[in-house]
Amino acid sequence: MLLTIAAVLLVLWLLGLLAFHVTTFVIHLLLIAAVIAVVWHFVAGGRTHA
């Protein structure tokens, strides 16, 4: 679940970086959120909730 959210946030970050170069602050917040989601996934032990 968190890995999916991280992947979506990374894709949004890349699209935003290419399309909206002016709004770099928001784009970098998306990148930070994606990194936090990935780190949380590994810290939580990769548990999956079915």
PDB file of N, CA and C in Angstrom:
ATOM      1  N   MET A   1       0.825  -1.193   0.000  1.00  0.00           N
ATOM      2  CA  MET A   1       0.000   0.000   0.000  1.00  0.00           C
ATOM      3  C   MET A   1       0.868   1.255   0.000  1.00  0.00           C
ATOM      4  N   LEU A   2       1.784   1.331   0.956  1.00  0.00           N
ATOM      5  CA  LEU A   2       2.640   2.517   1.014  1.00  0.00           C
ATOM      6  C   LEU A   2       3.571   2.601  -0.188  1.00  0.00           C
ATOM      7  N   LEU A   3       3.987   1.454  -0.706  1.00  0.00           N
ATOM      8  CA  LEU A   3       4.842   1.452  -1.879  1.00  0.00           C
ATOM      9  C   LEU A   3       4.084   1.978  -3.097  1.00  0.00           C
ATOM     10  N   THR A   4       2.813   1.659  -3.183  1.00  0.00           N
ATOM     11  CA  THR A   4       1.983   2.168  -4.270  1.00  0.00           C
ATOM     12  C   THR A   4       1.824   3.674  -4.164  1.00  0.00           C
ATOM     13  N   ILE A   5       1.579   4.155  -2.967  1.00  0.00           N
ATOM     14  CA  ILE A   5       1.453   5.597  -2.748  1.00  0.00           C
ATOM     15  C   ILE A   5       2.759   6.290  -3.100  1.00  0.00           C
ATOM     16  N   ALA A   6       3.876   5.705  -2.708  1.00  0.00           N
ATOM     17  CA  ALA A   6       5.175   6.293  -3.019  1.00  0.00           C
ATOM     18  C   ALA A   6       5.397   6.348  -4.528  1.00  0.00           C
ATOM     19  N   ALA A   7       5.023   5.284  -5.226  1.00  0.00           N
ATOM     20  CA  ALA A   7       5.194   5.258  -6.680  1.00  0.00           C
ATOM     21  C   ALA A   7       4.336   6.328  -7.350  1.00  0.00           C
ATOM     22  N   VAL A   8       3.098   6.469  -6.890  1.00  0.00           N
ATOM     23  CA  VAL A   8       2.210   7.488  -7.453  1.00  0.00           C
ATOM     24  C   VAL A   8       2.765   8.890  -7.190  1.00  0.00           C
ATOM     25  N   LEU A   9       3.252   9.113  -5.973  1.00  0.00           N
ATOM     26  CA  LEU A   9       3.819  10.421  -5.651  1.00  0.00           C
ATOM     27  C   LEU A   9       5.066  10.725  -6.473  1.00  0.00           C
ATOM     28  N   LEU A  10       5.882   9.718  -6.719  1.00  0.00           N
ATOM     29  CA  LEU A  10       7.064   9.925  -7.553  1.00  0.00           C
ATOM     30  C   LEU A  10       6.683  10.267  -8.991  1.00  0.00           C
ATOM     31  N   VAL A  11       5.680   9.586  -9.521  1.00  0.00           N
ATOM     32  CA  VAL A  11       5.223   9.881 -10.879  1.00  0.00           C
ATOM     33  C   VAL A  11       4.651  11.290 -10.944  1.00  0.00           C
ATOM     34  N   LEU A  12       3.853  11.661  -9.946  1.00  0.00           N
ATOM     35  CA  LEU A  12       3.317  13.026  -9.910  1.00  0.00           C
ATOM     36  C   LEU A  12       4.427  14.056  -9.807  1.00  0.00           C
ATOM     37  N   TRP A  13       5.462  13.732  -9.047  1.00  0.00           N
ATOM     38  CA  TRP A  13       6.596  14.641  -8.913  1.00  0.00           C
ATOM     39  C   TRP A  13       7.295  14.824 -10.256  1.00  0.00           C
ATOM     40  N   LEU A  14       7.531  13.729 -10.952  1.00  0.00           N
ATOM     41  CA  LEU A  14       8.196  13.820 -12.250  1.00  0.00           C
ATOM     42  C   LEU A  14       7.342  14.595 -13.256  1.00  0.00           C
ATOM     43  N   LEU A  15       6.047  14.326 -13.279  1.00  0.00           N
ATOM     44  CA  LEU A  15       5.167  15.062 -14.189  1.00  0.00           C
ATOM     45  C   LEU A  15       5.120  16.544 -13.835  1.00  0.00           C
ATOM     46  N   GLY A  16       5.042  16.818 -12.553  1.00  0.00           N
ATOM     47  CA  GLY A  16       5.013  18.210 -12.120  1.00  0.00           C
ATOM     48  C   GLY A  16       6.309  18.936 -12.409  1.00  0.00           C
ATOM     49  N   LEU A  17       7.416  18.242 -12.272  1.00  0.00           N
ATOM     50  CA  LEU A  17       8.711  18.855 -12.540  1.00  0.00           C
ATOM     51  C   LEU A  17       8.835  19.223 -14.011  1.00  0.00           C
ATOM     52  N   LEU A  18       8.319  18.375 -14.871  1.00  0.00           N
ATOM     53  CA  LEU A  18       8.406  18.637 -16.304  1.00  0.00           C
ATOM     54  C   LEU A  18       7.356  19.629 -16.779  1.00  0.00           C
ATOM     55  N   ALA A  19       6.148  19.561 -16.234  1.00  0.00           N
ATOM     56  CA  ALA A  19       5.049  20.379 -16.730  1.00  0.00           C
ATOM     57  C   ALA A  19       4.965  21.741 -16.051  1.00  0.00           C
ATOM     58  N   PHE A  20       5.187  21.793 -14.755  1.00  0.00           N
ATOM     59  CA  PHE A  20       4.996  23.025 -14.002  1.00  0.00           C
ATOM     60  C   PHE A  20       6.291  23.403 -13.298  1.00  0.00           C
ATOM     61  N   HIS A  21       7.240  23.856 -14.059  1.00  0.00           N
ATOM     62  CA  HIS A  21       8.555  24.175 -13.495  1.00  0.00           C
ATOM     63  C   HIS A  21       8.481  25.333 -12.501  1.00  0.00           C
ATOM     64  N   VAL A  22       7.415  26.113 -12.549  1.00  0.00           N
ATOM     65  CA  VAL A  22       7.287  27.286 -11.687  1.00  0.00           C
ATOM     66  C   VAL A  22       6.975  26.882 -10.247  1.00  0.00           C
ATOM     67  N   THR A  23       6.204  25.837 -10.060  1.00  0.00           N
ATOM     68  CA  THR A  23       5.747  25.443  -8.725  1.00  0.00           C
ATOM     69  C   THR A  23       6.681  24.409  -8.102  1.00  0.00           C
ATOM     70  N   THR A  24       7.934  24.738  -8.012  1.00  0.00           N
ATOM     71  CA  THR A  24       8.919  23.767  -7.539  1.00  0.00           C
ATOM     72  C   THR A  24       8.747  23.424  -6.071  1.00  0.00           C
ATOM     73  N   PHE A  25       8.243  24.321  -5.259  1.00  0.00           N
ATOM     74  CA  PHE A  25       8.081  24.046  -3.837  1.00  0.00           C
ATOM     75  C   PHE A  25       7.116  22.892  -3.610  1.00  0.00           C
ATOM     76  N   VAL A  26       5.971  22.911  -4.273  1.00  0.00           N
ATOM     77  CA  VAL A  26       4.969  21.856  -4.124  1.00  0.00           C
ATOM     78  C   VAL A  26       5.500  20.537  -4.681  1.00  0.00           C
ATOM     79  N   ILE A  27       6.233  20.615  -5.768  1.00  0.00           N
ATOM     80  CA  ILE A  27       6.788  19.414  -6.385  1.00  0.00           C
ATOM     81  C   ILE A  27       7.777  18.744  -5.445  1.00  0.00           C
ATOM     82  N   HIS A  28       8.606  19.534  -4.787  1.00  0.00           N
ATOM     83  CA  HIS A  28       9.562  18.965  -3.865  1.00  0.00           C
ATOM     84  C   HIS A  28       8.881  18.411  -2.613  1.00  0.00           C
ATOM     85  N   LEU A  29       7.760  18.984  -2.223  1.00  0.00           N
ATOM     86  CA  LEU A  29       6.994  18.403  -1.124  1.00  0.00           C
ATOM     87  C   LEU A  29       6.470  17.015  -1.497  1.00  0.00           C
ATOM     88  N   LEU A  30       6.061  16.840  -2.758  1.00  0.00           N
ATOM     89  CA  LEU A  30       5.622  15.526  -3.216  1.00  0.00           C
ATOM     90  C   LEU A  30       6.767  14.524  -3.164  1.00  0.00           C
ATOM     91  N   LEU A  31       7.955  14.959  -3.538  1.00  0.00           N
ATOM     92  CA  LEU A  31       9.116  14.078  -3.489  1.00  0.00           C
ATOM     93  C   LEU A  31       9.427  13.671  -2.049  1.00  0.00           C
ATOM     94  N   ILE A  32       9.372  14.620  -1.149  1.00  0.00           N
ATOM     95  CA  ILE A  32       9.630  14.325   0.259  1.00  0.00           C
ATOM     96  C   ILE A  32       8.582  13.355   0.795  1.00  0.00           C
ATOM     97  N   ALA A  33       7.319  13.540   0.422  1.00  0.00           N
ATOM     98  CA  ALA A  33       6.259  12.632   0.868  1.00  0.00           C
ATOM     99  C   ALA A  33       6.492  11.219   0.325  1.00  0.00           C
ATOM    100  N   ALA A  34       6.959  11.112  -0.915  1.00  0.00           N
ATOM    101  CA  ALA A  34       7.231   9.797  -1.492  1.00  0.00           C
ATOM    102  C   ALA A  34       8.375   9.109  -0.767  1.00  0.00           C
ATOM    103  N   VAL A  35       9.414   9.848  -0.452  1.00  0.00           N
ATOM    104  CA  VAL A  35      10.558   9.275   0.259  1.00  0.00           C
ATOM    105  C   VAL A  35      10.133   8.818   1.658  1.00  0.00           C
ATOM    106  N   ILE A  36       9.333   9.617   2.330  1.00  0.00           N
ATOM    107  CA  ILE A  36       8.849   9.240   3.660  1.00  0.00           C
ATOM    108  C   ILE A  36       8.002   7.977   3.577  1.00  0.00           C
ATOM    109  N   ALA A  37       7.170   7.853   2.540  1.00  0.00           N
ATOM    110  CA  ALA A  37       6.334   6.664   2.387  1.00  0.00           C
ATOM    111  C   ALA A  37       7.183   5.417   2.174  1.00  0.00           C
ATOM    112  N   VAL A  38       8.244   5.532   1.383  1.00  0.00           N
ATOM    113  CA  VAL A  38       9.128   4.379   1.150  1.00  0.00           C
ATOM    114  C   VAL A  38       9.857   4.002   2.436  1.00  0.00           C
ATOM    115  N   VAL A  39      10.386   5.000   3.134  1.00  0.00           N
ATOM    116  CA  VAL A  39      11.096   4.724   4.385  1.00  0.00           C
ATOM    117  C   VAL A  39      10.151   4.094   5.391  1.00  0.00           C
ATOM    118  N   TRP A  40       8.949   4.600   5.497  1.00  0.00           N
ATOM    119  CA  TRP A  40       7.978   4.043   6.440  1.00  0.00           C
ATOM    120  C   TRP A  40       7.651   2.592   6.083  1.00  0.00           C
ATOM    121  N   HIS A  41       7.577   2.308   4.781  1.00  0.00           N
ATOM    122  CA  HIS A  41       7.304   0.941   4.344  1.00  0.00           C
ATOM    123  C   HIS A  41       8.384  -0.008   4.854  1.00  0.00           C
ATOM    124  N   PHE A  42       9.629   0.383   4.745  1.00  0.00           N
ATOM    125  CA  PHE A  42      10.717  -0.490   5.182  1.00  0.00           C
ATOM    126  C   PHE A  42      10.844  -0.524   6.706  1.00  0.00           C
ATOM    127  N   VAL A  43      10.556   0.580   7.374  1.00  0.00           N
ATOM    128  CA  VAL A  43      10.616   0.602   8.829  1.00  0.00           C
ATOM    129  C   VAL A  43       9.509  -0.263   9.416  1.00  0.00           C
ATOM    130  N   ALA A  44       8.357  -0.244   8.797  1.00  0.00           N
ATOM    131  CA  ALA A  44       7.227  -1.040   9.284  1.00  0.00           C
ATOM    132  C   ALA A  44       7.445  -2.522   9.012  1.00  0.00           C
ATOM    133  N   GLY A  45       8.471  -2.877   8.293  1.00  0.00           N
ATOM    134  CA  GLY A  45       8.781  -4.279   8.054  1.00  0.00           C
ATOM    135  C   GLY A  45       8.119  -4.862   6.832  1.00  0.00           C
ATOM    136  N   GLY A  46       7.544  -4.030   5.999  1.00  0.00           N
ATOM    137  CA  GLY A  46       6.924  -4.541   4.785  1.00  0.00           C
ATOM    138  C   GLY A  46       5.679  -5.358   5.040  1.00  0.00           C
ATOM    139  N   ARG A  47       5.020  -5.131   6.173  1.00  0.00           N
ATOM    140  CA  ARG A  47       3.787  -5.861   6.469  1.00  0.00           C
ATOM    141  C   ARG A  47       2.715  -5.463   5.468  1.00  0.00           C
ATOM    142  N   THR A  48       1.969  -6.437   5.009  1.00  0.00           N
ATOM    143  CA  THR A  48       0.862  -6.160   4.106  1.00  0.00           C
ATOM    144  C   THR A  48      -0.449  -6.379   4.854  1.00  0.00           C
ATOM    145  N   HIS A  49      -1.388  -5.518   4.599  1.00  0.00           N
ATOM    146  CA  HIS A  49      -2.704  -5.620   5.232  1.00  0.00           C
ATOM    147  C   HIS A  49      -3.699  -6.020   4.167  1.00  0.00           C
ATOM    148  N   ALA A  50      -4.229  -7.226   4.254  1.00  0.00           N
ATOM    149  CA  ALA A  50      -5.145  -7.732   3.242  1.00  0.00           C
ATOM    150  C   ALA A  50      -6.568  -7.333   3.533  1.00  0.00           C
TER     151      ALA A  50
END
